[in-house]
Amino acid sequence: MSEITVLGIFVADISFSGPKIPSIGETILGKKYNVGPGGKGCNQAIAISRLGGNVSFISKIGKDNYGELALNTLKKNEISEENILQDGNQQTGVAGILVDENTGKNAINVIVGAPTSITIDEINKKINLIKKSKIFLTQLELPKNVTLHCLKTAKESGCITILNPAPASEISKEFYDNIDFFTPNETEAEFYTGIKITNEKETKQAAEKLIKLGVKKVIITLGDKGLFYTDGKEEIYLKASSVKAIDTTGAGDAFNGGLAYGLSKEKNIKECLQLANKVAGLSTTKLGAGDSMPFLKDI
C-alpha cells in the first residue's frame, strides 16, 4: 500500500506565455504556449513521486485525448493508473493559464470537467487506499461532500491529513476538525480569516485565527516571501529559496507534495518545511505545472 494518498483532479494545462497578462478587452501577442499535465492533485502526486515517495492518486477523467494525456503522465511518473475512474460521458478537465514572462506570475481559469461528477459511492470503492495510508493530501477542486468524507475517513484511520484549501471556498466546521495541516497561500488565508496579509504580523494573526477554527497546524505560503508555520505553540518563519522564477504555476502544489513526502519520511517539522520550500522554489524555474515538479536529484 502507498504511504501517501492524494485525492484531486487532473486537468490539461494550456499555458500561454507573453509580455504581460492581458486586461479585459485587450489582445497581446505572446511568445510560446505549452500543453501539459496540471490539476492540483495530479501536480502534488507527481511532486511526491519524483522525490521518491510512494504515492497513490485518486481522480476521475473522461475518455478523450486529455484523458490519454492524464494516463500517460501517470505512467511516465511511475504512479499507478488503477485508481483513476474514467467516464465516457464526461470531459477531462482543462485549465487556461496566462503567464507573465517577466515575473512568472499567472492568471488561471480551470474547467474541472469529469471530477465534478465524482460521488461518495465511487470513492468508497477506493477508500481502503486512504485508510491504509500514512498521509492523506487533498484540495478543494472536487465536490466538497466527497472531500469531507475522505478527510473524516483518513482521520478516523489515523492518517495525517493535509488540506490545501485551493481554490478558496467556504468550508464547514467539520472540515477544520479533520485537518492536521492547513496550507493556504496568502490570498486563501485572507479568504478564511478576513485578514489581508501584507507583513509578518498579519501573517501571524491570520495563522492564529485558523488555529482557533480547529486546525492543528497552519502553514501560510507567502510566494517569494517564504512561509509561516504555527501549531499554536511553535512558530517557524522561512524565507523563500532564491531562484529566477519563470513560471509560478504549480509552486503551491510542489510545496504540498514536498511537505507530504517529508512527513511520510518522519522528518521533523522544520526539515519538512525546508524541503517543501526548496521543492516549490525549484518548480518555478521551469515552464508548466506537472512537468515542472523537480526530482530528488535536483534538490
Protein backbone atom coordinates (compact mmCIF):
# COMPACT_ATOMS: atom_id res chain seq x y z
CA MET A 1 0.00 0.00 0.00
CA SER A 2 1.06 3.59 -0.55
CA GLU A 3 2.42 5.74 2.24
CA ILE A 4 0.71 8.81 0.75
CA THR A 5 -2.68 9.05 -0.97
CA VAL A 6 -3.60 12.15 -2.94
CA LEU A 7 -7.22 12.82 -3.89
CA GLY A 8 -7.68 15.51 -6.52
CA ILE A 9 -8.11 16.42 -10.15
CA PHE A 10 -6.14 16.12 -13.36
CA VAL A 11 -6.54 18.86 -15.95
CA ALA A 12 -4.64 19.53 -19.14
CA ASP A 13 -2.89 22.87 -18.65
CA ILE A 14 -2.76 25.04 -21.74
CA SER A 15 -0.40 27.86 -20.83
CA PHE A 16 0.32 30.99 -22.81
CA SER A 17 3.45 32.98 -22.07
CA GLY A 18 3.57 36.67 -23.02
CA PRO A 19 4.97 40.10 -22.07
CA LYS A 20 2.03 40.66 -19.67
CA ILE A 21 -1.33 39.21 -18.65
CA PRO A 22 -3.90 40.93 -20.89
CA SER A 23 -6.59 43.06 -19.29
CA ILE A 24 -10.25 42.76 -20.30
CA GLY A 25 -10.77 43.56 -23.97
CA GLU A 26 -7.04 43.57 -24.70
CA THR A 27 -5.20 41.35 -27.18
CA ILE A 28 -1.47 40.79 -26.84
CA LEU A 29 1.00 38.78 -28.91
CA GLY A 30 2.63 36.09 -26.79
CA LYS A 31 5.84 34.12 -27.33
CA LYS A 32 5.00 30.47 -26.75
CA TYR A 33 2.36 28.07 -25.49
CA ASN A 34 2.56 24.73 -23.81
CA VAL A 35 0.08 21.88 -23.26
CA GLY A 36 0.97 19.73 -20.28
CA PRO A 37 -0.36 17.99 -17.19
CA GLY A 38 -1.93 20.01 -14.39
CA GLY A 39 -4.62 20.00 -11.71
CA LYS A 40 -3.55 20.46 -8.11
CA GLY A 41 -3.97 16.82 -7.10
CA CYS A 42 -2.07 15.46 -10.07
CA ASN A 43 0.75 18.01 -9.65
CA GLN A 44 1.08 17.10 -5.97
CA ALA A 45 1.18 13.37 -6.75
CA ILE A 46 3.88 13.95 -9.40
CA ALA A 47 5.92 16.04 -6.95
CA ILE A 48 5.79 13.22 -4.37
CA SER A 49 6.64 10.51 -6.89
CA ARG A 50 9.61 12.45 -8.30
CA LEU A 51 11.01 12.85 -4.78
CA GLY A 52 10.89 9.07 -4.46
CA GLY A 53 7.69 8.93 -2.42
CA ASN A 54 5.30 6.00 -2.51
CA VAL A 55 2.07 7.65 -3.72
CA SER A 56 -1.43 6.73 -4.92
CA PHE A 57 -3.58 9.21 -6.84
CA ILE A 58 -7.39 9.01 -6.86
CA SER A 59 -9.17 11.00 -9.56
CA LYS A 60 -11.72 10.93 -12.38
CA ILE A 61 -11.17 11.73 -16.07
CA GLY A 62 -13.03 11.47 -19.37
CA LYS A 63 -12.27 9.05 -22.21
CA ASP A 64 -10.76 11.62 -24.56
CA ASN A 65 -7.38 12.96 -25.73
CA TYR A 66 -6.73 14.82 -22.50
CA GLY A 67 -7.70 11.67 -20.60
CA GLU A 68 -4.95 9.89 -22.54
CA LEU A 69 -2.54 12.67 -21.53
CA ALA A 70 -3.52 12.00 -17.89
CA LEU A 71 -2.83 8.27 -18.10
CA ASN A 72 0.46 8.79 -19.97
CA THR A 73 1.54 11.39 -17.41
CA LEU A 74 0.92 8.99 -14.53
CA LYS A 75 2.74 6.16 -16.31
CA LYS A 76 5.72 8.40 -17.03
CA ASN A 77 5.87 9.46 -13.37
CA GLU A 78 5.52 5.89 -12.06
CA ILE A 79 2.12 6.49 -10.48
CA SER A 80 -0.44 3.66 -10.78
CA GLU A 81 -3.40 4.33 -13.08
CA GLU A 82 -5.63 1.82 -11.29
CA ASN A 83 -7.18 4.45 -9.01
CA ILE A 84 -8.35 6.65 -11.87
CA LEU A 85 -12.06 6.48 -12.65
CA GLN A 86 -12.94 7.01 -16.34
CA ASP A 87 -16.30 8.17 -17.66
CA GLY A 88 -17.03 8.28 -21.39
CA ASN A 89 -19.84 10.82 -20.87
CA GLN A 90 -17.58 13.38 -19.20
CA GLN A 91 -14.81 15.62 -20.46
CA THR A 92 -11.35 15.57 -18.91
CA GLY A 93 -10.68 18.94 -17.30
CA VAL A 94 -8.71 21.77 -18.89
CA ALA A 95 -7.07 24.91 -17.49
CA GLY A 96 -6.24 28.04 -19.49
CA ILE A 97 -3.20 29.73 -17.95
CA LEU A 98 -1.85 33.16 -18.84
CA VAL A 99 1.74 33.68 -17.71
CA ASP A 100 3.60 36.99 -17.47
CA GLU A 101 7.06 36.06 -18.75
CA ASN A 102 8.72 38.91 -16.81
CA THR A 103 7.55 37.88 -13.35
CA GLY A 104 6.35 34.29 -13.81
CA LYS A 105 3.00 35.32 -12.24
CA ASN A 106 -0.20 33.90 -13.71
CA ALA A 107 -3.98 34.05 -14.08
CA ILE A 108 -5.88 30.76 -14.44
CA ASN A 109 -9.35 29.59 -15.50
CA VAL A 110 -10.00 25.92 -14.65
CA ILE A 111 -12.76 23.82 -16.22
CA VAL A 112 -12.86 20.85 -13.83
CA GLY A 113 -14.82 18.50 -16.13
CA ALA A 114 -15.22 14.84 -15.11
CA PRO A 115 -14.28 15.19 -11.40
CA THR A 116 -17.33 17.40 -10.74
CA SER A 117 -19.45 14.25 -11.07
CA ILE A 118 -17.44 12.09 -8.65
CA THR A 119 -19.63 10.57 -5.91
CA ILE A 120 -19.08 9.15 -2.43
CA ASP A 121 -20.14 5.72 -3.78
CA GLU A 122 -17.40 5.85 -6.42
CA ILE A 123 -14.83 6.98 -3.84
CA ASN A 124 -15.83 4.22 -1.42
CA LYS A 125 -14.51 1.67 -3.94
CA LYS A 126 -11.03 3.21 -3.36
CA ILE A 127 -11.43 4.12 0.30
CA ASN A 128 -9.11 1.37 1.59
CA LEU A 129 -6.20 3.16 -0.05
CA ILE A 130 -6.89 6.17 2.15
CA LYS A 131 -7.45 4.06 5.29
CA LYS A 132 -4.09 2.30 4.89
CA SER A 133 -2.03 5.43 4.11
CA LYS A 134 0.20 7.34 6.47
CA ILE A 135 -0.59 10.69 4.85
CA PHE A 136 -3.73 11.88 3.07
CA LEU A 137 -3.47 15.05 0.96
CA THR A 138 -6.33 16.81 -0.81
CA GLN A 139 -7.56 20.21 -2.07
CA LEU A 140 -10.90 21.89 -2.87
CA GLU A 141 -11.24 21.11 -6.58
CA LEU A 142 -13.60 18.16 -6.05
CA PRO A 143 -17.19 18.15 -4.70
CA LYS A 144 -16.95 19.11 -1.00
CA ASN A 145 -19.07 16.24 0.33
CA VAL A 146 -16.59 13.78 -1.23
CA THR A 147 -13.57 15.67 0.12
CA LEU A 148 -15.00 15.85 3.64
CA HIS A 149 -15.96 12.15 3.58
CA CYS A 150 -12.36 11.28 2.69
CA LEU A 151 -10.83 13.62 5.30
CA LYS A 152 -13.03 12.10 8.03
CA THR A 153 -12.20 8.56 6.91
CA ALA A 154 -8.48 9.38 6.88
CA LYS A 155 -8.62 10.97 10.33
CA GLU A 156 -10.58 8.02 11.79
CA SER A 157 -7.96 5.67 10.31
CA GLY A 158 -5.10 7.54 11.99
CA CYS A 159 -3.70 9.26 8.87
CA ILE A 160 -2.01 12.63 8.95
CA THR A 161 -4.35 14.84 6.89
CA ILE A 162 -3.30 17.82 4.77
CA LEU A 163 -5.85 20.15 3.20
CA ASN A 164 -4.52 22.58 0.63
CA PRO A 165 -7.59 24.88 0.62
CA ALA A 166 -7.44 25.84 -3.03
CA PRO A 167 -9.34 27.25 -4.74
CA ALA A 168 -10.56 29.01 -1.59
CA SER A 169 -14.25 28.44 -0.86
CA GLU A 170 -16.50 28.11 2.21
CA ILE A 171 -15.93 25.00 4.31
CA SER A 172 -17.85 23.78 7.37
CA LYS A 173 -16.57 23.48 10.95
CA GLU A 174 -16.41 19.70 10.38
CA PHE A 175 -13.66 20.25 7.81
CA TYR A 176 -11.44 22.11 10.28
CA ASP A 177 -11.87 19.36 12.88
CA ASN A 178 -10.44 16.75 10.49
CA ILE A 179 -7.40 18.68 9.27
CA ASP A 180 -3.88 18.29 10.68
CA PHE A 181 -2.10 20.60 8.23
CA PHE A 182 -3.90 23.52 6.57
CA THR A 183 -1.77 25.04 3.81
CA PRO A 184 -3.29 28.21 2.30
CA ASN A 185 -1.35 30.82 0.36
CA GLU A 186 -1.76 34.46 1.49
CA THR A 187 -4.85 35.07 -0.71
CA GLU A 188 -6.54 31.89 0.55
CA ALA A 189 -5.60 32.72 4.16
CA GLU A 190 -7.27 36.12 3.73
CA PHE A 191 -10.42 34.41 2.42
CA TYR A 192 -10.70 32.19 5.52
CA THR A 193 -9.75 34.82 8.11
CA GLY A 194 -10.68 38.19 6.64
CA ILE A 195 -7.12 39.39 7.41
CA LYS A 196 -5.25 40.93 4.48
CA ILE A 197 -1.65 39.74 4.68
CA THR A 198 1.00 42.35 3.88
CA ASN A 199 3.53 41.71 6.66
CA GLU A 200 4.72 39.20 9.24
CA LYS A 201 2.41 40.45 11.99
CA GLU A 202 -0.70 39.99 9.83
CA THR A 203 0.50 36.54 8.73
CA LYS A 204 0.78 35.55 12.38
CA GLN A 205 -2.68 36.94 13.20
CA ALA A 206 -4.23 35.02 10.29
CA ALA A 207 -2.48 31.79 11.33
CA GLU A 208 -3.65 32.17 14.94
CA LYS A 209 -7.23 32.71 13.75
CA LEU A 210 -7.04 29.48 11.71
CA ILE A 211 -5.77 27.52 14.74
CA LYS A 212 -8.80 28.84 16.69
CA LEU A 213 -11.07 27.41 13.96
CA GLY A 214 -9.88 23.93 14.92
CA VAL A 215 -6.97 23.22 12.54
CA LYS A 216 -4.00 21.59 14.31
CA LYS A 217 -1.16 23.11 12.24
CA VAL A 218 -1.16 26.01 9.80
CA ILE A 219 1.34 26.79 7.05
CA ILE A 220 0.71 30.02 5.16
CA THR A 221 2.80 30.11 2.00
CA LEU A 222 3.83 33.64 1.03
CA GLY A 223 5.17 33.23 -2.53
CA ASP A 224 8.54 34.95 -2.91
CA LYS A 225 8.40 35.96 0.78
CA GLY A 226 8.60 32.39 2.07
CA LEU A 227 6.26 30.81 4.60
CA PHE A 228 4.96 30.95 8.17
CA TYR A 229 4.15 27.87 10.29
CA THR A 230 2.46 27.55 13.65
CA ASP A 231 0.80 24.81 15.68
CA GLY A 232 -0.37 27.32 18.30
CA LYS A 233 2.87 26.96 20.27
CA GLU A 234 5.88 26.67 17.98
CA GLU A 235 6.36 29.24 15.19
CA ILE A 236 8.65 28.95 12.18
CA TYR A 237 9.23 31.63 9.58
CA LEU A 238 11.24 30.63 6.49
CA LYS A 239 12.41 32.80 3.62
CA ALA A 240 11.78 31.59 0.06
CA SER A 241 14.56 29.84 -1.89
CA SER A 242 16.27 32.42 -4.10
CA VAL A 243 15.65 31.32 -7.68
CA LYS A 244 14.95 33.03 -11.00
CA ALA A 245 11.23 32.29 -11.36
CA ILE A 246 9.94 31.93 -14.92
CA ASP A 247 6.54 30.39 -14.14
CA THR A 248 4.98 30.12 -10.68
CA THR A 249 2.19 27.77 -11.85
CA GLY A 250 2.15 24.72 -9.58
CA ALA A 251 4.58 26.11 -6.97
CA GLY A 252 1.98 25.61 -4.21
CA ASP A 253 1.46 22.04 -5.41
CA ALA A 254 5.20 21.40 -5.36
CA PHE A 255 5.22 22.73 -1.79
CA ASN A 256 2.37 20.46 -0.65
CA GLY A 257 3.94 17.45 -2.35
CA GLY A 258 7.27 18.17 -0.66
CA LEU A 259 5.55 18.58 2.71
CA ALA A 260 3.67 15.26 2.37
CA TYR A 261 6.87 13.49 1.33
CA GLY A 262 8.83 14.94 4.27
CA LEU A 263 6.12 13.94 6.74
CA SER A 264 5.96 10.41 5.30
CA LYS A 265 9.70 10.09 5.97
CA GLU A 266 9.06 11.22 9.56
CA LYS A 267 11.36 14.22 9.29
CA ASN A 268 10.85 16.93 11.94
CA ILE A 269 8.61 19.85 11.01
CA LYS A 270 11.45 22.27 10.28
CA GLU A 271 13.10 19.80 7.89
CA CYS A 272 9.74 19.15 6.19
CA LEU A 273 9.21 22.88 5.67
CA GLN A 274 12.76 23.44 4.38
CA LEU A 275 12.37 20.58 1.91
CA ALA A 276 8.92 21.73 0.73
CA ASN A 277 10.27 25.27 0.35
CA LYS A 278 13.11 24.04 -1.89
CA VAL A 279 10.79 21.87 -3.99
CA ALA A 280 8.46 24.86 -4.53
CA GLY A 281 11.31 27.20 -5.44
CA LEU A 282 12.79 24.80 -7.99
CA SER A 283 9.39 24.22 -9.62
CA THR A 284 9.21 27.92 -10.60
CA THR A 285 12.37 27.66 -12.71
CA LYS A 286 10.57 25.60 -15.40
CA LEU A 287 7.51 26.27 -17.55
CA GLY A 288 4.31 24.35 -16.82
CA ALA A 289 2.80 22.72 -13.74
CA GLY A 290 3.09 18.92 -13.52
CA ASP A 291 6.17 18.88 -15.76
CA SER A 292 7.95 21.48 -13.62
CA MET A 293 8.00 19.32 -10.47
CA PRO A 294 11.64 18.74 -9.51
CA PHE A 295 13.30 15.36 -8.99
CA LEU A 296 15.12 14.39 -5.80
CA LYS A 297 18.47 14.74 -7.60
CA ASP A 298 17.67 18.43 -8.40
CA ILE A 299 17.34 19.08 -4.67
